[in-house]
Amino acid sequence: MSMKVVFLGTPDFGVPALSRIMQLHKVVGVVCQPDKVGARGKIEFCAIKKFALQHNLPLFQFEKISRDGVQTLKDIAPDIMVTAAYGQILSQEVIDIAPHGIINIHGSLLPQLRGAAPIQYAVLSGLQKTGITILNTVRKVDAGEIILQKPLDILPYETCGELFARMSELGADAVIQALELIENGKAVYTPQSEDEATFCSKITAEQEQIDWNKPCREVINLVRALNPSPAAWTTAAGKRIKIYALRPSSRTYEGKAGEVVFCGKKFLTVMCADGAVDIVELQAENSKRMDAASFLNGHTIPVGTFLGEQ
């Protein structure tokens, strides 16, 4: 047995799930966001579109799905629809199209971290555990009934990019299990506790700049959460430097927040509010991303320099 599935997703988070679904079910449609114009005016295809084209899956891109896509989806007549970071709010008319409704692959243990950036915020908040939730889609964002959850430990110093990759694979496992439960009539739909719900929005441009006045752990978590993109940044002598990895310094220094207190051949050390951190990986303006030793082979940031000053 298999179901007719429409898959809605845009970034690479959904690729493992779509790959697994097409092996076990009939994918009758893939929906992703419209193409974006990238650098130098070049049209960029999202990861889900690339996958759909590679595997000759029926592909649809609606400017506004609730306005433009309803009749198309009704004509396809899916048994169920699956969303994974699709990026558009769905109307009740869209939700009601498939007999089994819509299920969503969400990157947190709901009701914690409802919203657009749960994986980034799990890292940013210093959580040690997160997971995948498969839930029934309703009009209120990420508030539907939970079908199943799979927890996952966040590794020490794991970046958002690294966690994202593991979460996408876990999401694929979870959605396959959920589809089997639904197809066999064994799915249990458990309401969420609204009292325990927390929320997260997209990372803002203001959040990307490192505030060295914060404790070491908070600064380290910001850098982890924004690695690989958009990357946390600071300035040195007025030039922007992206920071990709920090570690607590094993040495004790005296200095003010943002002050460079050591610059050697292999590492660069900066003060935060409660101690020092070593810069492990960075990228200067008009340069490549590199480890600190490679950077210091061609650059010097003198001791006493204050990062973040304009």
Protein backbone atom coordinates (compact mmCIF):
# COMPACT_ATOMS: atom_id res chain seq x y z
CA MET A 1 0.00 0.00 0.00
CA SER A 2 1.04 3.59 -0.52
CA MET A 3 -0.56 7.01 -0.42
CA LYS A 4 -0.66 9.82 -2.95
CA VAL A 5 1.43 12.57 -1.40
CA VAL A 6 1.95 16.24 -2.20
CA PHE A 7 5.17 17.52 -0.63
CA LEU A 8 5.60 21.21 0.19
CA GLY A 9 9.08 22.46 1.07
CA THR A 10 11.79 24.87 -0.03
CA PRO A 11 15.25 24.55 1.63
CA ASP A 12 17.43 21.46 1.89
CA PHE A 13 15.91 20.56 5.28
CA GLY A 14 13.13 18.71 3.43
CA VAL A 15 15.24 16.85 0.86
CA PRO A 16 15.88 13.67 2.93
CA ALA A 17 12.17 13.45 3.77
CA LEU A 18 11.08 13.88 0.15
CA SER A 19 13.64 11.29 -0.95
CA ARG A 20 12.33 8.74 1.54
CA ILE A 21 8.67 9.48 0.80
CA MET A 22 9.09 8.93 -2.95
CA GLN A 23 10.55 5.48 -2.25
CA LEU A 24 7.47 4.33 -0.31
CA HIS A 25 4.61 6.45 -1.62
CA LYS A 26 3.46 8.07 -4.87
CA VAL A 27 4.55 11.71 -4.92
CA VAL A 28 1.90 13.36 -7.10
CA GLY A 29 3.20 16.89 -6.64
CA VAL A 30 6.06 18.92 -5.17
CA VAL A 31 5.43 22.54 -4.22
CA CYS A 32 8.17 25.05 -3.41
CA GLN A 33 8.53 28.80 -3.18
CA PRO A 34 9.02 30.85 -6.38
CA ASP A 35 12.59 31.21 -7.66
CA LYS A 36 14.73 33.99 -6.21
CA VAL A 37 17.07 36.31 -8.05
CA GLY A 38 20.54 35.80 -6.61
CA ALA A 39 23.90 37.43 -7.11
CA ARG A 40 24.43 39.22 -10.44
CA GLY A 41 20.78 38.77 -11.35
CA LYS A 42 21.04 35.01 -11.73
CA ILE A 43 17.93 32.95 -10.98
CA GLU A 44 18.53 30.51 -8.13
CA PHE A 45 16.60 27.25 -7.68
CA CYS A 46 15.89 26.07 -4.13
CA ALA A 47 17.05 22.64 -2.95
CA ILE A 48 13.58 21.06 -3.21
CA LYS A 49 13.12 22.29 -6.80
CA LYS A 50 16.52 20.90 -7.79
CA PHE A 51 15.60 17.51 -6.27
CA ALA A 52 12.18 17.45 -7.95
CA LEU A 53 13.67 18.24 -11.36
CA GLN A 54 16.38 15.60 -10.95
CA HIS A 55 13.76 12.96 -10.20
CA ASN A 56 11.10 14.10 -12.70
CA LEU A 57 8.55 14.84 -9.99
CA PRO A 58 5.57 17.10 -10.87
CA LEU A 59 6.65 20.57 -9.69
CA PHE A 60 4.55 23.60 -8.80
CA GLN A 61 5.54 27.08 -7.61
CA PHE A 62 2.78 29.40 -6.43
CA GLU A 63 3.31 33.07 -5.62
CA LYS A 64 0.52 32.65 -3.05
CA ILE A 65 -0.60 29.06 -2.66
CA SER A 66 -3.86 29.92 -0.92
CA ARG A 67 -4.81 32.14 -3.86
CA ASP A 68 -3.19 30.42 -6.83
CA GLY A 69 -2.82 26.77 -5.91
CA VAL A 70 -6.14 25.54 -4.55
CA GLN A 71 -7.67 24.22 -7.78
CA THR A 72 -4.40 22.67 -8.92
CA LEU A 73 -4.05 20.78 -5.65
CA LYS A 74 -7.68 19.67 -5.76
CA ASP A 75 -7.16 18.33 -9.29
CA ILE A 76 -4.11 16.34 -8.13
CA ALA A 77 -6.31 14.79 -5.39
CA PRO A 78 -3.62 13.77 -2.86
CA ASP A 79 -4.43 11.49 0.06
CA ILE A 80 -2.21 13.61 2.31
CA MET A 81 0.16 16.56 2.11
CA VAL A 82 3.49 16.94 3.91
CA THR A 83 5.20 20.25 4.67
CA ALA A 84 8.82 20.86 5.66
CA ALA A 85 9.94 24.50 5.91
CA TYR A 86 7.71 25.45 2.96
CA GLY A 87 7.55 29.13 3.86
CA GLN A 88 3.93 30.13 3.24
CA ILE A 89 0.90 30.24 5.53
CA LEU A 90 -1.77 27.77 4.38
CA SER A 91 -5.46 28.68 4.26
CA GLN A 92 -8.13 26.38 5.67
CA GLU A 93 -9.19 25.67 2.08
CA VAL A 94 -5.72 24.26 1.35
CA ILE A 95 -5.62 22.35 4.64
CA ASP A 96 -8.95 20.68 3.82
CA ILE A 97 -8.00 19.42 0.33
CA ALA A 98 -6.51 16.04 1.29
CA PRO A 99 -8.61 13.45 3.19
CA HIS A 100 -5.80 12.94 5.71
CA GLY A 101 -5.04 16.65 5.91
CA ILE A 102 -1.53 18.05 6.11
CA ILE A 103 1.28 16.98 8.41
CA ASN A 104 4.32 19.11 9.13
CA ILE A 105 7.93 18.20 9.94
CA HIS A 106 8.96 20.70 12.61
CA GLY A 107 12.48 21.07 13.98
CA SER A 108 11.79 21.19 17.72
CA LEU A 109 10.05 19.28 20.49
CA LEU A 110 6.78 21.16 20.41
CA PRO A 111 5.28 23.08 22.10
CA GLN A 112 8.81 24.46 22.61
CA LEU A 113 10.11 26.73 19.84
CA ARG A 114 7.15 27.21 17.57
CA GLY A 115 8.00 29.43 14.64
CA ALA A 116 10.41 30.02 11.78
CA ALA A 117 13.86 29.21 13.18
CA PRO A 118 13.64 26.48 15.83
CA ILE A 119 16.99 24.85 15.04
CA GLN A 120 18.89 28.15 15.20
CA TYR A 121 17.16 29.13 18.44
CA ALA A 122 17.85 25.77 20.07
CA VAL A 123 21.56 26.42 19.54
CA LEU A 124 21.30 30.13 20.37
CA SER A 125 19.54 29.29 23.64
CA GLY A 126 22.18 26.77 24.63
CA LEU A 127 19.73 23.85 24.73
CA GLN A 128 21.27 20.40 25.14
CA LYS A 129 18.31 18.55 23.64
CA THR A 130 15.95 19.19 20.76
CA GLY A 131 14.14 16.94 18.29
CA ILE A 132 11.60 16.53 15.52
CA THR A 133 7.85 16.82 15.87
CA ILE A 134 5.38 15.53 13.29
CA LEU A 135 2.11 17.37 13.79
CA ASN A 136 -1.21 17.92 12.14
CA THR A 137 -1.36 21.31 10.41
CA VAL A 138 -3.97 23.81 11.60
CA ARG A 139 -4.42 27.53 10.88
CA LYS A 140 -2.46 28.57 13.98
CA VAL A 141 1.30 28.26 13.37
CA ASP A 142 2.81 25.02 14.75
CA ALA A 143 -0.14 24.55 17.10
CA GLY A 144 -1.63 21.36 15.67
CA GLU A 145 -1.95 17.98 17.35
CA ILE A 146 1.26 16.00 17.78
CA ILE A 147 1.46 12.64 16.00
CA LEU A 148 4.97 11.68 17.12
CA GLN A 149 8.24 13.13 18.37
CA LYS A 150 11.87 12.04 18.13
CA PRO A 151 14.35 13.64 20.56
CA LEU A 152 17.95 14.43 19.65
CA ASP A 153 20.89 15.53 21.81
CA ILE A 154 22.70 18.68 20.72
CA LEU A 155 26.43 18.01 20.79
CA PRO A 156 28.88 20.35 22.57
CA TYR A 157 29.93 23.16 20.19
CA GLU A 158 27.76 21.71 17.40
CA THR A 159 26.94 24.37 14.83
CA CYS A 160 23.49 25.07 13.46
CA GLY A 161 24.57 23.69 10.09
CA GLU A 162 25.74 20.43 11.63
CA LEU A 163 22.57 20.08 13.71
CA PHE A 164 20.43 21.02 10.70
CA ALA A 165 21.87 18.10 8.73
CA ARG A 166 21.20 15.59 11.52
CA MET A 167 17.71 17.01 12.09
CA SER A 168 16.79 16.69 8.42
CA GLU A 169 17.65 12.98 8.47
CA LEU A 170 15.72 12.50 11.71
CA GLY A 171 12.79 14.34 10.14
CA ALA A 172 12.81 11.87 7.26
CA ASP A 173 12.68 8.92 9.66
CA ALA A 174 9.88 10.54 11.65
CA VAL A 175 7.65 11.43 8.71
CA ILE A 176 7.90 7.93 7.23
CA GLN A 177 6.82 6.50 10.59
CA ALA A 178 3.97 9.00 10.82
CA LEU A 179 2.73 8.25 7.30
CA GLU A 180 2.67 4.54 8.13
CA LEU A 181 0.64 5.18 11.29
CA ILE A 182 -1.82 7.38 9.40
CA GLU A 183 -2.17 4.95 6.49
CA ASN A 184 -2.89 2.09 8.90
CA GLY A 185 -5.32 4.11 10.99
CA LYS A 186 -3.08 3.87 14.06
CA ALA A 187 -2.05 7.51 14.44
CA VAL A 188 -2.83 9.15 17.78
CA TYR A 189 -3.29 12.93 17.69
CA THR A 190 -2.27 14.56 20.97
CA PRO A 191 -3.17 18.22 21.63
CA GLN A 192 -0.32 20.55 22.61
CA SER A 193 -0.21 22.39 25.91
CA GLU A 194 -0.66 26.07 25.09
CA ASP A 195 0.66 27.00 28.55
CA GLU A 196 4.04 25.43 27.74
CA ALA A 197 4.41 26.95 24.26
CA THR A 198 7.46 29.08 23.44
CA PHE A 199 8.09 30.96 20.22
CA CYS A 200 10.96 31.95 17.93
CA SER A 201 11.09 34.25 14.94
CA LYS A 202 13.67 34.59 12.21
CA ILE A 203 17.12 35.82 13.22
CA THR A 204 17.32 39.57 12.60
CA ALA A 205 20.22 41.45 11.06
CA GLU A 206 20.79 43.20 14.39
CA GLN A 207 21.31 39.86 16.13
CA GLU A 208 24.13 38.91 13.77
CA GLN A 209 26.61 41.41 15.24
CA ILE A 210 28.55 40.04 18.21
CA ASP A 211 28.11 41.92 21.49
CA TRP A 212 31.33 41.24 23.39
CA ASN A 213 29.71 42.64 26.56
CA LYS A 214 27.76 39.41 26.88
CA PRO A 215 29.03 36.29 28.73
CA CYS A 216 31.32 33.88 26.87
CA ARG A 217 28.69 31.17 26.61
CA GLU A 218 26.14 33.50 24.99
CA VAL A 219 28.67 34.77 22.46
CA ILE A 220 29.79 31.22 21.62
CA ASN A 221 26.17 30.11 21.18
CA LEU A 222 25.43 33.03 18.85
CA VAL A 223 28.39 32.09 16.66
CA ARG A 224 27.29 28.43 16.61
CA ALA A 225 23.69 29.37 15.78
CA LEU A 226 24.68 31.51 12.80
CA ASN A 227 27.22 29.06 11.35
CA PRO A 228 27.29 28.59 8.35
CA SER A 229 24.85 31.33 7.38
CA PRO A 230 24.48 34.24 7.78
CA ALA A 231 27.47 34.07 10.20
CA ALA A 232 28.02 36.24 13.26
CA TRP A 233 30.31 39.18 12.71
CA THR A 234 32.36 41.86 14.40
CA THR A 235 34.71 44.58 13.21
CA ALA A 236 38.44 45.16 13.53
CA ALA A 237 39.81 48.58 12.59
CA GLY A 238 36.48 49.30 10.92
CA LYS A 239 36.51 46.22 8.69
CA ARG A 240 33.96 43.46 9.10
CA ILE A 241 35.11 40.00 10.13
CA LYS A 242 32.81 36.98 10.15
CA ILE A 243 33.34 34.62 13.08
CA TYR A 244 32.53 30.92 12.58
CA ALA A 245 33.87 29.26 15.74
CA LEU A 246 34.90 30.27 19.25
CA ARG A 247 36.08 28.30 22.28
CA PRO A 248 36.49 29.33 25.92
CA SER A 249 40.13 30.26 26.48
CA SER A 250 42.11 27.89 28.70
CA ARG A 251 44.13 30.87 29.89
CA THR A 252 43.15 33.74 32.21
CA TYR A 253 43.43 37.31 30.95
CA GLU A 254 42.57 40.76 32.21
CA GLY A 255 40.89 43.21 29.87
CA LYS A 256 37.70 44.93 28.80
CA ALA A 257 34.92 43.38 26.72
CA GLY A 258 35.88 43.22 23.05
CA GLU A 259 39.59 43.73 23.72
CA VAL A 260 42.10 41.53 21.92
CA VAL A 261 44.28 40.20 24.74
CA PHE A 262 46.44 37.76 22.77
CA CYS A 263 47.51 37.50 19.13
CA GLY A 264 49.94 34.70 18.36
CA LYS A 265 50.68 32.44 15.42
CA LYS A 266 47.85 29.98 16.06
CA PHE A 267 45.07 31.77 17.88
CA LEU A 268 43.51 35.11 18.69
CA THR A 269 41.94 35.76 22.08
CA VAL A 270 39.20 38.28 22.86
CA MET A 271 37.54 39.30 26.13
CA CYS A 272 33.84 38.84 26.82
CA ALA A 273 31.94 39.98 29.92
CA ASP A 274 33.07 37.08 32.11
CA GLY A 275 36.27 35.79 30.53
CA ALA A 276 38.16 35.25 27.29
CA VAL A 277 37.39 33.28 24.15
CA ASP A 278 39.72 32.00 21.43
CA ILE A 279 38.70 32.69 17.84
CA VAL A 280 39.00 29.35 16.05
CA GLU A 281 37.65 30.11 12.57
CA LEU A 282 36.96 33.40 10.80
CA GLN A 283 36.71 35.25 7.51
CA ALA A 284 38.06 38.72 6.78
CA GLU A 285 36.54 41.05 4.19
CA ASN A 286 37.32 39.97 0.62
CA SER A 287 38.92 36.78 1.88
CA LYS A 288 38.12 33.11 2.35
CA ARG A 289 36.87 31.40 5.47
CA MET A 290 39.87 29.90 7.31
CA ASP A 291 41.16 28.68 10.64
CA ALA A 292 42.81 31.19 12.96
CA ALA A 293 46.35 29.95 12.26
CA SER A 294 45.91 30.47 8.51
CA PHE A 295 44.39 33.90 9.09
CA LEU A 296 47.22 34.98 11.41
CA ASN A 297 49.78 33.85 8.85
CA GLY A 298 48.83 36.88 6.77
CA HIS A 299 47.07 39.21 9.19
CA THR A 300 47.78 40.76 12.57
CA ILE A 301 45.23 42.21 14.97
CA PRO A 302 47.36 43.88 17.65
CA VAL A 303 46.80 43.24 21.35
CA GLY A 304 44.76 46.13 22.70
CA THR A 305 42.55 46.37 19.60
CA PHE A 306 38.84 46.55 20.47
CA LEU A 307 36.65 44.41 18.22
CA GLY A 308 33.28 45.85 17.39
CA GLU A 309 34.36 49.46 17.41
CA GLN A 310 33.39 51.43 14.32
